[in-house]
Amino acid sequence: MARQEGSRWDVGTKDNAITLERFDDGDERVSEDVLQVDEARELAALLTKHADKLDASDEDDSTDESSD
């Protein structure tokens, strides 16, 4: 199976915690963190909140463009 080009996130579990690693295009680790379960849920909620805002903004932009 071919690997996707670009950076990637690896997420796993170890010792009752969530591990989070970021790798660059050259497959070098650029960051790593260990989150407790509650921290991971809070991060997921925060990421979802911001992604939803961007989705809503994109929808508003496309609505504005179609009304021109």
N, C-alpha and C. Protein backbone atom coordinates (compact mmCIF):
# COMPACT_ATOMS: atom_id res chain seq x y z
N MET A 1 0.85 -1.18 0.00
CA MET A 1 0.00 0.00 0.00
C MET A 1 0.90 1.24 0.00
N ALA A 2 0.59 2.19 -0.85
CA ALA A 2 1.37 3.42 -0.96
C ALA A 2 1.05 4.37 0.19
N ARG A 3 2.09 5.05 0.67
CA ARG A 3 1.91 6.03 1.75
C ARG A 3 1.51 7.36 1.14
N GLN A 4 0.58 8.04 1.81
CA GLN A 4 0.17 9.37 1.36
C GLN A 4 1.33 10.34 1.50
N GLU A 5 1.41 11.29 0.58
CA GLU A 5 2.43 12.32 0.69
C GLU A 5 1.99 13.36 1.70
N GLY A 6 2.97 14.01 2.33
CA GLY A 6 2.67 15.05 3.29
C GLY A 6 2.84 14.60 4.72
N SER A 7 2.63 15.53 5.62
CA SER A 7 2.78 15.22 7.04
C SER A 7 1.60 14.38 7.51
N ARG A 8 1.77 13.80 8.69
CA ARG A 8 0.70 12.95 9.22
C ARG A 8 0.68 12.99 10.74
N TRP A 9 -0.47 12.63 11.29
CA TRP A 9 -0.66 12.46 12.72
C TRP A 9 -0.76 10.97 13.02
N ASP A 10 -0.13 10.52 14.08
CA ASP A 10 -0.31 9.16 14.58
C ASP A 10 -0.91 9.28 15.98
N VAL A 11 -1.97 8.53 16.21
CA VAL A 11 -2.64 8.54 17.51
C VAL A 11 -2.72 7.11 18.00
N GLY A 12 -2.42 6.91 19.27
CA GLY A 12 -2.48 5.57 19.84
C GLY A 12 -2.78 5.63 21.32
N THR A 13 -2.75 4.49 21.95
CA THR A 13 -2.97 4.42 23.40
C THR A 13 -1.83 3.65 24.04
N LYS A 14 -1.47 4.08 25.24
CA LYS A 14 -0.41 3.42 25.99
C LYS A 14 -0.56 3.78 27.46
N ASP A 15 -0.57 2.80 28.32
CA ASP A 15 -0.64 3.03 29.77
C ASP A 15 -1.81 3.92 30.17
N ASN A 16 -3.01 3.62 29.66
CA ASN A 16 -4.23 4.37 29.98
C ASN A 16 -4.17 5.84 29.59
N ALA A 17 -3.41 6.15 28.54
CA ALA A 17 -3.32 7.51 28.03
C ALA A 17 -3.33 7.46 26.51
N ILE A 18 -3.55 8.61 25.90
CA ILE A 18 -3.57 8.72 24.45
C ILE A 18 -2.25 9.35 24.02
N THR A 19 -1.58 8.72 23.06
CA THR A 19 -0.34 9.27 22.52
C THR A 19 -0.66 9.96 21.20
N LEU A 20 -0.03 11.10 20.99
CA LEU A 20 -0.27 11.91 19.80
C LEU A 20 1.08 12.32 19.24
N GLU A 21 1.34 11.93 17.98
CA GLU A 21 2.62 12.26 17.34
C GLU A 21 2.35 12.90 15.98
N ARG A 22 3.18 13.88 15.63
CA ARG A 22 3.10 14.53 14.32
C ARG A 22 4.41 14.28 13.59
N PHE A 23 4.31 13.84 12.33
CA PHE A 23 5.48 13.57 11.50
C PHE A 23 5.45 14.48 10.28
N ASP A 24 6.62 14.97 9.87
CA ASP A 24 6.69 15.85 8.71
C ASP A 24 6.75 15.04 7.42
N ASP A 25 6.90 15.75 6.30
CA ASP A 25 6.94 15.11 4.99
C ASP A 25 8.06 14.08 4.87
N GLY A 26 9.15 14.32 5.57
CA GLY A 26 10.29 13.40 5.54
C GLY A 26 10.20 12.29 6.56
N ASP A 27 9.05 12.14 7.18
CA ASP A 27 8.79 11.10 8.19
C ASP A 27 9.59 11.31 9.47
N GLU A 28 10.00 12.54 9.74
CA GLU A 28 10.67 12.88 10.99
C GLU A 28 9.62 13.34 12.01
N ARG A 29 9.73 12.86 13.24
CA ARG A 29 8.80 13.28 14.29
C ARG A 29 9.07 14.73 14.63
N VAL A 30 8.02 15.57 14.56
CA VAL A 30 8.18 16.98 14.89
C VAL A 30 7.52 17.33 16.22
N SER A 31 6.61 16.50 16.70
CA SER A 31 6.02 16.73 18.01
C SER A 31 5.43 15.43 18.54
N GLU A 32 5.35 15.36 19.84
CA GLU A 32 4.71 14.22 20.48
C GLU A 32 4.12 14.67 21.81
N ASP A 33 3.04 14.04 22.20
CA ASP A 33 2.40 14.40 23.46
C ASP A 33 1.65 13.19 23.99
N VAL A 34 1.42 13.19 25.26
CA VAL A 34 0.62 12.16 25.91
C VAL A 34 -0.51 12.87 26.62
N LEU A 35 -1.73 12.47 26.33
CA LEU A 35 -2.92 13.11 26.90
C LEU A 35 -3.69 12.13 27.76
N GLN A 36 -4.18 12.62 28.88
CA GLN A 36 -5.11 11.82 29.66
C GLN A 36 -6.44 11.79 28.92
N VAL A 37 -7.30 10.87 29.26
CA VAL A 37 -8.55 10.67 28.55
C VAL A 37 -9.36 11.96 28.49
N ASP A 38 -9.52 12.64 29.60
CA ASP A 38 -10.30 13.88 29.62
C ASP A 38 -9.67 14.97 28.76
N GLU A 39 -8.34 15.05 28.78
CA GLU A 39 -7.66 16.04 27.93
C GLU A 39 -7.90 15.74 26.45
N ALA A 40 -7.86 14.47 26.08
CA ALA A 40 -8.09 14.09 24.69
C ALA A 40 -9.51 14.45 24.26
N ARG A 41 -10.47 14.22 25.13
CA ARG A 41 -11.86 14.58 24.81
C ARG A 41 -12.01 16.09 24.66
N GLU A 42 -11.36 16.86 25.54
CA GLU A 42 -11.43 18.31 25.44
C GLU A 42 -10.78 18.80 24.15
N LEU A 43 -9.65 18.21 23.78
CA LEU A 43 -8.99 18.59 22.54
C LEU A 43 -9.87 18.24 21.34
N ALA A 44 -10.48 17.07 21.35
CA ALA A 44 -11.37 16.67 20.26
C ALA A 44 -12.54 17.65 20.13
N ALA A 45 -13.11 18.06 21.24
CA ALA A 45 -14.23 19.00 21.21
C ALA A 45 -13.78 20.36 20.67
N LEU A 46 -12.60 20.80 21.07
CA LEU A 46 -12.08 22.08 20.60
C LEU A 46 -11.79 22.04 19.10
N LEU A 47 -11.19 20.96 18.63
CA LEU A 47 -10.92 20.82 17.20
C LEU A 47 -12.21 20.79 16.40
N THR A 48 -13.20 20.07 16.91
CA THR A 48 -14.50 19.99 16.23
C THR A 48 -15.16 21.36 16.19
N LYS A 49 -15.10 22.11 17.28
CA LYS A 49 -15.69 23.44 17.34
C LYS A 49 -15.10 24.35 16.27
N HIS A 50 -13.78 24.34 16.15
CA HIS A 50 -13.12 25.21 15.17
C HIS A 50 -13.37 24.72 13.74
N ALA A 51 -13.40 23.42 13.53
CA ALA A 51 -13.69 22.89 12.20
C ALA A 51 -15.12 23.25 11.78
N ASP A 52 -16.05 23.18 12.73
CA ASP A 52 -17.44 23.55 12.44
C ASP A 52 -17.54 25.03 12.07
N LYS A 53 -16.79 25.88 12.77
CA LYS A 53 -16.78 27.31 12.44
C LYS A 53 -16.28 27.54 11.02
N LEU A 54 -15.21 26.84 10.65
CA LEU A 54 -14.68 26.99 9.29
C LEU A 54 -15.67 26.48 8.26
N ASP A 55 -16.33 25.36 8.54
CA ASP A 55 -17.34 24.84 7.62
C ASP A 55 -18.46 25.86 7.43
N ALA A 56 -18.92 26.45 8.54
CA ALA A 56 -19.99 27.44 8.46
C ALA A 56 -19.52 28.66 7.68
N SER A 57 -18.29 29.07 7.87
CA SER A 57 -17.73 30.21 7.16
C SER A 57 -17.65 29.91 5.66
N ASP A 58 -17.23 28.71 5.30
CA ASP A 58 -17.16 28.31 3.89
C ASP A 58 -18.54 28.31 3.26
N GLU A 59 -19.54 27.84 4.00
CA GLU A 59 -20.91 27.83 3.49
C GLU A 59 -21.41 29.25 3.27
N ASP A 60 -21.10 30.15 4.20
CA ASP A 60 -21.50 31.56 4.05
C ASP A 60 -20.84 32.18 2.83
N ASP A 61 -19.55 31.87 2.62
CA ASP A 61 -18.83 32.41 1.47
C ASP A 61 -19.43 31.91 0.17
N SER A 62 -19.78 30.63 0.10
CA SER A 62 -20.34 30.10 -1.14
C SER A 62 -21.75 30.65 -1.38
N THR A 63 -22.50 30.94 -0.33
CA THR A 63 -23.81 31.55 -0.46
C THR A 63 -23.68 32.96 -1.01
N ASP A 64 -22.70 33.71 -0.48
CA ASP A 64 -22.45 35.07 -0.95
C ASP A 64 -22.05 35.08 -2.42
N GLU A 65 -21.21 34.14 -2.83
CA GLU A 65 -20.75 34.09 -4.22
C GLU A 65 -21.89 33.77 -5.17
N SER A 66 -22.80 32.88 -4.76
CA SER A 66 -23.89 32.49 -5.66
C SER A 66 -24.93 33.59 -5.79
N SER A 67 -24.99 34.54 -4.87
CA SER A 67 -25.98 35.60 -4.94
C SER A 67 -25.46 36.80 -5.72
N ASP A 68 -24.18 36.77 -6.16
CA ASP A 68 -23.62 37.89 -6.93
C ASP A 68 -24.15 37.93 -8.34
